[in-house]
Amino acid sequence: MNRRHFLRQAATAGTGAAAAAALAAPAIAQENPAITWRLTSSFPKSLDIIFGAANEIAASVKNATDGKFNIQIFAAGEIVPGLQAADAVANGTVEMAHTCSYYYIGQDPAFAIGTAIPFGLNARMTNAWFTAGGGNDLINEFLAPRNLYALPAGNSGTQMGGWFRKEINTIDDLKGLKMRIAGLAGQVMQKVGVTPQQIAGGDVYPALEKGAIDATEFVGPYDDQKLGFVKVAKYYYYPAWWEGGPAMHAFFNLEKFKSLPKSYQQILTNACASANNNMLANYDARNATALKQLVAEGAILKPFSREIMDVCFKAAMELYADLSAKSPAFKKLYDSQQAFKKDAYLWAQVAEYSYDTYMMTQQRNGAL
């Protein structure tokens, strides 16, 4: 090949490369469009771990897309009330929400299983059922006709049983109480004589302070300390048998989610998974310190009696039989979770429970 022929070929190749680059640039831009979404949270900014999960998702998505995909975060009440967040997503008011599925049981009791049901799964089992047990696929099958899609985006771990103005020693002590309690737990409590109230997080303290309610459950020591419940109700009970591992979800408008580039869908999925893990880690890291501080501030720490637990368990099982007969969606989700639960607790009591129980005795003996 002579020199002139080589240079002609090189020039032709260079022109082709430049043309390919010119064609590729718009294609890349089209695949990574500039998008701005709005997310409405069901939580106030003061609850930094729960509310912070939405901020974490937004930051992850922005960083992973080099600033192309931005999610603006709004606290409960800034666009819609906290308990209407998923509705705002379904009707297209916003593209996304960070909320608890069980806030919407008025539409169908099956929504409860997306968060937690009384005597359900703990946090680790909840995550396992969602990700490896088909649970979240079933949740999304249920949500699709409502133009919703959801991904797990947080878990608090087993919560506390709440703050009471008086001691609760027997099941009769619950009768006549007005208690802020969400989800199907309220229906179980109603069966044993409690008058349940569903109140958004930011409104709980004023209701307790003014006597509109006699008791409240919320999350656990870290958040409860921030909300100041110890100032107006001294008796702090455990465990929240209604929230053994309550999940929060990122809810998306289904049409909007489907319209995203596949890369953006994956980035959102990964961001939610990271927020899901980090929320539980944050609560595990901070609840112990907060609990010690609450006791120092006057909280009287007490367990629910076995009698109360047994009566409420029986009431819950009766409720689930009734709901399964009335709601096919509830039955499908509940049956799946129940089957998973039986094996999960079989395995948990073999190695995990034995190890944890031994280590807890060492902690009580001051050996750690």
Protein backbone atom coordinates (compact mmCIF):
# COMPACT_ATOMS: atom_id res chain seq x y z
CA MET A 1 0.00 0.00 0.00
CA ASN A 2 1.49 3.38 -1.02
CA ARG A 3 1.50 6.44 1.20
CA ARG A 4 -1.27 8.30 -0.68
CA HIS A 5 -3.64 5.32 -0.56
CA PHE A 6 -3.03 4.91 3.18
CA LEU A 7 -3.80 8.58 3.86
CA ARG A 8 -7.03 8.40 1.84
CA GLN A 9 -8.17 5.37 3.85
CA ALA A 10 -7.27 7.05 7.12
CA ALA A 11 -9.21 10.19 6.15
CA THR A 12 -12.25 8.10 5.24
CA ALA A 13 -12.05 6.21 8.55
CA GLY A 14 -11.76 9.48 10.44
CA THR A 15 -14.83 10.89 8.73
CA GLY A 16 -16.75 7.73 9.58
CA ALA A 17 -15.70 7.89 13.23
CA ALA A 18 -16.74 11.54 13.48
CA ALA A 19 -20.10 10.74 11.92
CA ALA A 20 -20.60 7.86 14.33
CA ALA A 21 -19.77 10.12 17.25
CA ALA A 22 -22.23 12.72 16.00
CA LEU A 23 -24.93 10.09 15.77
CA ALA A 24 -24.08 8.58 19.16
CA ALA A 25 -24.22 11.83 21.10
CA PRO A 26 -27.94 12.51 20.55
CA ALA A 27 -28.69 8.84 21.17
CA ILE A 28 -26.93 8.95 24.54
CA ALA A 29 -28.69 12.19 25.41
CA GLN A 30 -32.01 10.61 24.52
CA GLU A 31 -31.28 7.60 26.70
CA ASN A 32 -30.35 9.84 29.66
CA PRO A 33 -32.92 12.62 29.54
CA ALA A 34 -33.13 15.45 32.05
CA ILE A 35 -36.06 14.64 34.37
CA THR A 36 -37.43 16.29 37.49
CA TRP A 37 -39.87 14.44 39.72
CA ARG A 38 -41.64 15.40 42.92
CA LEU A 39 -41.82 13.08 45.92
CA THR A 40 -44.30 13.65 48.74
CA SER A 41 -43.45 12.04 52.07
CA SER A 42 -45.91 10.87 54.70
CA PHE A 43 -43.48 12.01 57.39
CA PRO A 44 -42.34 15.30 58.94
CA LYS A 45 -38.76 16.53 58.50
CA SER A 46 -38.16 16.20 62.25
CA LEU A 47 -38.07 12.40 61.88
CA ASP A 48 -34.68 12.45 60.25
CA ILE A 49 -34.25 8.69 59.75
CA ILE A 50 -37.63 8.04 58.13
CA PHE A 51 -37.85 11.34 56.25
CA GLY A 52 -34.15 11.08 55.47
CA ALA A 53 -34.69 7.90 53.44
CA ALA A 54 -36.39 9.97 50.73
CA ASN A 55 -33.46 12.40 50.70
CA GLU A 56 -31.07 9.47 50.42
CA ILE A 57 -32.96 8.06 47.44
CA ALA A 58 -32.96 11.44 45.71
CA ALA A 59 -29.23 11.96 46.30
CA SER A 60 -28.36 8.47 45.01
CA VAL A 61 -30.41 8.94 41.86
CA LYS A 62 -28.94 12.39 41.18
CA ASN A 63 -25.36 11.17 41.65
CA ALA A 64 -25.84 8.04 39.55
CA THR A 65 -27.30 10.05 36.64
CA ASP A 66 -24.77 12.94 36.80
CA GLY A 67 -27.56 15.29 37.80
CA LYS A 68 -29.89 14.32 34.95
CA PHE A 69 -32.62 12.80 37.18
CA ASN A 70 -33.64 15.04 40.06
CA ILE A 71 -36.24 14.22 42.71
CA GLN A 72 -37.61 17.11 44.76
CA ILE A 73 -38.64 16.09 48.30
CA PHE A 74 -41.69 17.49 50.11
CA ALA A 75 -42.63 16.76 53.71
CA ALA A 76 -46.09 15.68 54.79
CA GLY A 77 -48.56 18.52 54.32
CA GLU A 78 -46.46 20.56 51.90
CA ILE A 79 -48.31 19.17 48.86
CA VAL A 80 -50.87 16.78 50.36
CA PRO A 81 -51.52 15.46 53.89
CA GLY A 82 -49.29 12.59 54.94
CA LEU A 83 -52.04 9.98 54.77
CA GLN A 84 -52.90 10.91 51.16
CA ALA A 85 -49.41 10.47 49.70
CA ALA A 86 -50.09 7.31 47.69
CA ASP A 87 -53.35 8.76 46.36
CA ALA A 88 -51.43 11.77 45.05
CA VAL A 89 -49.11 9.40 43.20
CA ALA A 90 -51.93 7.34 41.72
CA ASN A 91 -53.75 10.37 40.34
CA GLY A 92 -50.59 11.97 38.96
CA THR A 93 -50.36 14.95 41.31
CA VAL A 94 -46.80 13.79 42.04
CA GLU A 95 -44.68 11.09 40.50
CA MET A 96 -43.52 9.44 43.72
CA ALA A 97 -44.17 9.10 47.46
CA HIS A 98 -42.43 7.68 50.51
CA THR A 99 -45.13 6.21 52.72
CA CYS A 100 -46.55 3.20 54.53
CA SER A 101 -48.88 0.96 52.60
CA TYR A 102 -51.11 0.30 55.61
CA TYR A 103 -52.25 3.93 55.68
CA TYR A 104 -54.61 3.01 52.84
CA ILE A 105 -56.49 0.03 54.29
CA GLY A 106 -59.71 1.99 53.89
CA GLN A 107 -59.45 1.16 50.19
CA ASP A 108 -58.63 -2.52 50.72
CA PRO A 109 -57.26 -4.38 53.77
CA ALA A 110 -54.61 -5.92 51.52
CA PHE A 111 -52.70 -2.64 51.75
CA ALA A 112 -51.81 -3.56 55.34
CA ILE A 113 -49.60 -6.45 54.31
CA GLY A 114 -47.32 -4.09 52.41
CA THR A 115 -46.24 -2.60 55.75
CA ALA A 116 -47.00 -4.94 58.65
CA ILE A 117 -49.85 -6.85 60.21
CA PRO A 118 -50.24 -7.84 63.86
CA PHE A 119 -48.12 -10.89 64.70
CA GLY A 120 -46.50 -10.78 61.28
CA LEU A 121 -42.86 -10.93 60.22
CA ASN A 122 -39.85 -9.29 61.81
CA ALA A 123 -37.69 -6.92 59.76
CA ARG A 124 -35.28 -9.51 58.45
CA MET A 125 -38.10 -11.84 57.46
CA THR A 126 -40.03 -8.98 55.86
CA ASN A 127 -37.10 -8.14 53.62
CA ALA A 128 -36.62 -11.82 52.78
CA TRP A 129 -40.29 -12.26 51.88
CA PHE A 130 -40.28 -9.16 49.69
CA THR A 131 -37.05 -9.90 47.84
CA ALA A 132 -36.74 -13.69 47.79
CA GLY A 133 -40.21 -14.93 48.71
CA GLY A 134 -42.18 -13.19 45.97
CA GLY A 135 -43.87 -10.77 48.35
CA ASN A 136 -43.13 -7.56 46.52
CA ASP A 137 -44.20 -9.05 43.20
CA LEU A 138 -47.56 -9.85 44.79
CA ILE A 139 -47.79 -6.35 46.25
CA ASN A 140 -47.21 -4.85 42.81
CA GLU A 141 -49.70 -7.18 41.20
CA PHE A 142 -52.23 -5.80 43.68
CA LEU A 143 -51.16 -2.17 43.11
CA ALA A 144 -51.04 -2.20 39.30
CA PRO A 145 -54.79 -1.62 38.72
CA ARG A 146 -54.40 1.48 40.94
CA ASN A 147 -51.65 2.87 38.68
CA LEU A 148 -49.06 2.29 41.42
CA TYR A 149 -45.73 0.50 41.64
CA ALA A 150 -43.79 0.11 44.88
CA LEU A 151 -40.32 -0.79 46.12
CA PRO A 152 -39.28 -1.40 49.75
CA ALA A 153 -37.56 1.73 51.01
CA GLY A 154 -37.11 1.40 54.75
CA ASN A 155 -37.78 -0.70 57.82
CA SER A 156 -37.70 0.35 61.47
CA GLY A 157 -37.30 -3.10 63.02
CA THR A 158 -39.68 -4.23 65.75
CA GLN A 159 -41.30 -1.17 67.23
CA MET A 160 -42.29 -0.25 70.76
CA GLY A 161 -45.81 -0.85 71.99
CA GLY A 162 -46.38 2.80 72.75
CA TRP A 163 -47.00 5.42 75.42
CA PHE A 164 -49.87 5.18 77.91
CA ARG A 165 -51.09 7.57 80.56
CA LYS A 166 -51.82 4.69 82.92
CA GLU A 167 -50.54 1.17 83.58
CA ILE A 168 -51.88 -1.57 81.33
CA ASN A 169 -51.69 -4.79 83.33
CA THR A 170 -54.67 -6.77 82.03
CA ILE A 171 -56.80 -6.84 78.93
CA ASP A 172 -59.52 -4.95 80.82
CA ASP A 173 -57.16 -2.01 81.26
CA LEU A 174 -57.30 -1.45 77.49
CA LYS A 175 -61.06 -1.11 77.37
CA GLY A 176 -62.29 2.39 76.63
CA LEU A 177 -58.86 3.80 75.74
CA LYS A 178 -58.54 6.14 72.75
CA MET A 179 -55.28 5.17 71.06
CA ARG A 180 -53.47 6.40 67.99
CA ILE A 181 -52.70 3.20 66.12
CA ALA A 182 -52.52 2.54 62.39
CA GLY A 183 -53.30 -0.32 60.06
CA LEU A 184 -55.07 -3.52 61.00
CA ALA A 185 -53.69 -3.18 64.54
CA GLY A 186 -56.42 -0.63 65.12
CA GLN A 187 -59.04 -3.20 64.15
CA VAL A 188 -57.53 -5.78 66.48
CA MET A 189 -57.42 -3.23 69.30
CA GLN A 190 -61.03 -2.37 68.60
CA LYS A 191 -61.98 -6.01 69.11
CA VAL A 192 -60.52 -5.87 72.64
CA GLY A 193 -62.18 -2.58 73.57
CA VAL A 194 -59.84 0.18 72.36
CA THR A 195 -61.09 3.08 70.24
CA PRO A 196 -58.42 3.40 67.51
CA GLN A 197 -57.44 6.73 65.97
CA GLN A 198 -55.39 7.10 62.78
CA ILE A 199 -53.37 10.30 63.06
CA ALA A 200 -50.43 11.42 60.92
CA GLY A 201 -47.03 11.51 62.66
CA GLY A 202 -46.78 15.27 63.00
CA ASP A 203 -50.16 15.50 64.75
CA VAL A 204 -49.70 12.81 67.39
CA TYR A 205 -48.06 14.83 70.17
CA PRO A 206 -50.70 17.59 70.22
CA ALA A 207 -53.47 14.97 70.34
CA LEU A 208 -51.83 13.22 73.30
CA GLU A 209 -51.04 16.48 75.08
CA LYS A 210 -54.61 17.78 74.75
CA GLY A 211 -56.17 14.51 75.85
CA ALA A 212 -57.79 13.77 72.49
CA ILE A 213 -56.13 10.35 72.83
CA ASP A 214 -55.06 8.34 75.90
CA ALA A 215 -52.20 6.47 74.29
CA THR A 216 -50.12 6.36 71.16
CA GLU A 217 -47.74 4.07 69.39
CA PHE A 218 -45.31 5.47 66.89
CA VAL A 219 -41.96 3.91 66.07
CA GLY A 220 -39.32 3.41 68.74
CA PRO A 221 -37.04 5.20 71.19
CA TYR A 222 -35.11 7.36 68.73
CA ASP A 223 -38.19 8.90 67.10
CA ASP A 224 -40.32 8.81 70.23
CA GLN A 225 -37.72 10.87 72.09
CA LYS A 226 -37.71 13.47 69.32
CA LEU A 227 -41.49 13.73 69.53
CA GLY A 228 -41.41 14.20 73.30
CA PHE A 229 -44.07 11.64 74.26
CA VAL A 230 -42.42 11.04 77.64
CA LYS A 231 -43.55 14.52 78.71
CA VAL A 232 -47.23 13.62 78.48
CA ALA A 233 -47.40 9.83 79.00
CA LYS A 234 -44.95 7.97 81.24
CA TYR A 235 -45.71 4.28 80.68
CA TYR A 236 -43.71 2.92 77.75
CA TYR A 237 -44.76 -0.57 76.66
CA TYR A 238 -43.17 -3.20 74.43
CA PRO A 239 -43.25 -4.91 72.00
CA ALA A 240 -45.45 -3.58 69.21
CA TRP A 241 -46.89 -6.98 68.36
CA TRP A 242 -48.59 -5.24 65.44
CA GLU A 243 -45.31 -4.09 63.86
CA GLY A 244 -42.66 -6.77 64.09
CA GLY A 245 -40.87 -5.48 60.98
CA PRO A 246 -42.84 -2.65 59.37
CA ALA A 247 -41.79 -1.67 55.87
CA MET A 248 -41.94 1.70 54.21
CA HIS A 249 -42.22 1.82 50.44
CA ALA A 250 -41.38 4.19 47.65
CA PHE A 251 -44.58 4.41 45.65
CA PHE A 252 -44.35 5.38 41.98
CA ASN A 253 -46.96 6.37 39.45
CA LEU A 254 -46.91 3.21 37.37
CA GLU A 255 -47.15 4.96 33.99
CA LYS A 256 -44.38 7.39 34.93
CA PHE A 257 -42.12 4.59 36.17
CA LYS A 258 -42.64 2.55 33.00
CA SER A 259 -41.83 5.60 30.85
CA LEU A 260 -38.38 5.96 32.42
CA PRO A 261 -35.31 4.65 30.58
CA LYS A 262 -34.39 1.19 31.83
CA SER A 263 -31.20 2.58 33.31
CA TYR A 264 -33.18 5.07 35.41
CA GLN A 265 -35.53 2.34 36.58
CA GLN A 266 -32.55 0.31 37.75
CA ILE A 267 -30.96 3.32 39.44
CA LEU A 268 -34.20 3.98 41.33
CA THR A 269 -34.45 0.33 42.32
CA ASN A 270 -30.89 0.32 43.64
CA ALA A 271 -31.39 3.60 45.50
CA CYS A 272 -34.48 2.26 47.25
CA ALA A 273 -32.70 -0.97 48.21
CA SER A 274 -29.84 1.02 49.75
CA ALA A 275 -32.25 3.27 51.67
CA ASN A 276 -34.10 0.20 52.88
CA ASN A 277 -30.96 -1.30 54.39
CA ASN A 278 -29.67 1.96 55.79
CA MET A 279 -32.87 2.86 57.64
CA LEU A 280 -32.81 -0.36 59.65
CA ALA A 281 -29.11 0.09 60.40
CA ASN A 282 -29.69 3.64 61.61
CA TYR A 283 -32.47 2.60 63.97
CA ASP A 284 -30.45 -0.33 65.31
CA ALA A 285 -27.54 2.02 65.96
CA ARG A 286 -29.53 4.76 67.71
CA ASN A 287 -32.44 3.19 69.57
CA ALA A 288 -30.39 1.86 72.49
CA THR A 289 -28.95 5.26 73.42
CA ALA A 290 -32.35 6.91 73.06
CA LEU A 291 -34.01 4.27 75.23
CA LYS A 292 -31.52 4.85 78.06
CA GLN A 293 -32.12 8.57 77.81
CA LEU A 294 -35.92 8.15 77.88
CA VAL A 295 -35.71 6.06 81.05
CA ALA A 296 -33.51 8.77 82.59
CA GLU A 297 -36.21 11.31 81.66
CA GLY A 298 -38.86 9.35 83.53
CA ALA A 299 -40.20 6.75 81.12
CA ILE A 300 -41.45 3.64 82.92
CA LEU A 301 -40.53 0.67 80.73
CA LYS A 302 -42.95 -2.27 80.89
CA PRO A 303 -43.73 -5.35 78.77
CA PHE A 304 -47.24 -6.22 77.68
CA SER A 305 -48.48 -9.15 79.76
CA ARG A 306 -48.77 -12.61 78.25
CA GLU A 307 -52.53 -12.37 78.78
CA ILE A 308 -52.73 -9.24 76.62
CA MET A 309 -50.54 -10.80 73.95
CA ASP A 310 -52.59 -14.01 73.84
CA VAL A 311 -55.97 -12.25 73.71
CA CYS A 312 -54.77 -9.93 70.96
CA PHE A 313 -53.24 -12.83 69.00
CA LYS A 314 -56.59 -14.64 69.06
CA ALA A 315 -58.39 -11.47 67.96
CA ALA A 316 -55.92 -11.01 65.09
CA MET A 317 -56.42 -14.56 63.82
CA GLU A 318 -60.19 -14.05 63.87
CA LEU A 319 -59.79 -10.80 61.94
CA TYR A 320 -57.61 -12.43 59.28
CA ALA A 321 -60.13 -15.21 58.73
CA ASP A 322 -62.84 -12.60 58.25
CA LEU A 323 -60.78 -10.43 55.91
CA SER A 324 -59.67 -13.44 53.85
CA ALA A 325 -63.30 -14.32 53.28
CA LYS A 326 -64.12 -10.77 52.14
CA SER A 327 -61.01 -9.69 50.20
CA PRO A 328 -59.42 -12.03 47.64
CA ALA A 329 -56.43 -9.68 47.42
CA PHE A 330 -55.88 -9.84 51.18
CA LYS A 331 -56.18 -13.63 51.18
CA LYS A 332 -53.62 -14.03 48.39
CA LEU A 333 -51.04 -11.85 50.12
CA TYR A 334 -51.78 -13.19 53.59
CA ASP A 335 -51.56 -16.85 52.53
CA SER A 336 -48.20 -16.19 50.87
CA GLN A 337 -46.82 -14.44 53.95
CA GLN A 338 -48.19 -17.09 56.34
CA ALA A 339 -46.54 -19.91 54.40
CA PHE A 340 -43.27 -18.00 54.41
CA LYS A 341 -43.60 -17.18 58.12
CA LYS A 342 -43.89 -20.82 59.23
CA ASP A 343 -40.53 -21.79 57.75
CA ALA A 344 -38.90 -18.47 58.64
CA TYR A 345 -39.64 -18.91 62.34
CA LEU A 346 -38.67 -22.58 62.17
CA TRP A 347 -35.21 -21.59 60.98
CA ALA A 348 -34.92 -18.47 63.18
CA GLN A 349 -35.31 -20.44 66.41
CA VAL A 350 -32.56 -22.91 65.55
CA ALA A 351 -29.33 -20.92 65.22
CA GLU A 352 -30.23 -17.22 65.37
CA TYR A 353 -32.42 -17.37 68.47
CA SER A 354 -30.01 -19.65 70.33
CA TYR A 355 -27.05 -17.40 69.62
CA ASP A 356 -28.89 -14.17 70.43
CA THR A 357 -30.34 -15.57 73.64
CA TYR A 358 -26.90 -16.61 74.89
CA MET A 359 -25.39 -13.23 74.01
CA MET A 360 -28.23 -11.40 75.74
CA THR A 361 -27.50 -13.26 78.96
CA GLN A 362 -23.89 -12.15 78.67
CA GLN A 363 -25.04 -8.56 78.24
CA ARG A 364 -27.27 -8.78 81.32
CA ASN A 365 -24.41 -10.28 83.31
CA GLY A 366 -22.15 -7.37 82.34
CA ALA A 367 -19.74 -9.62 80.46
CA LEU A 368 -19.84 -7.68 77.21
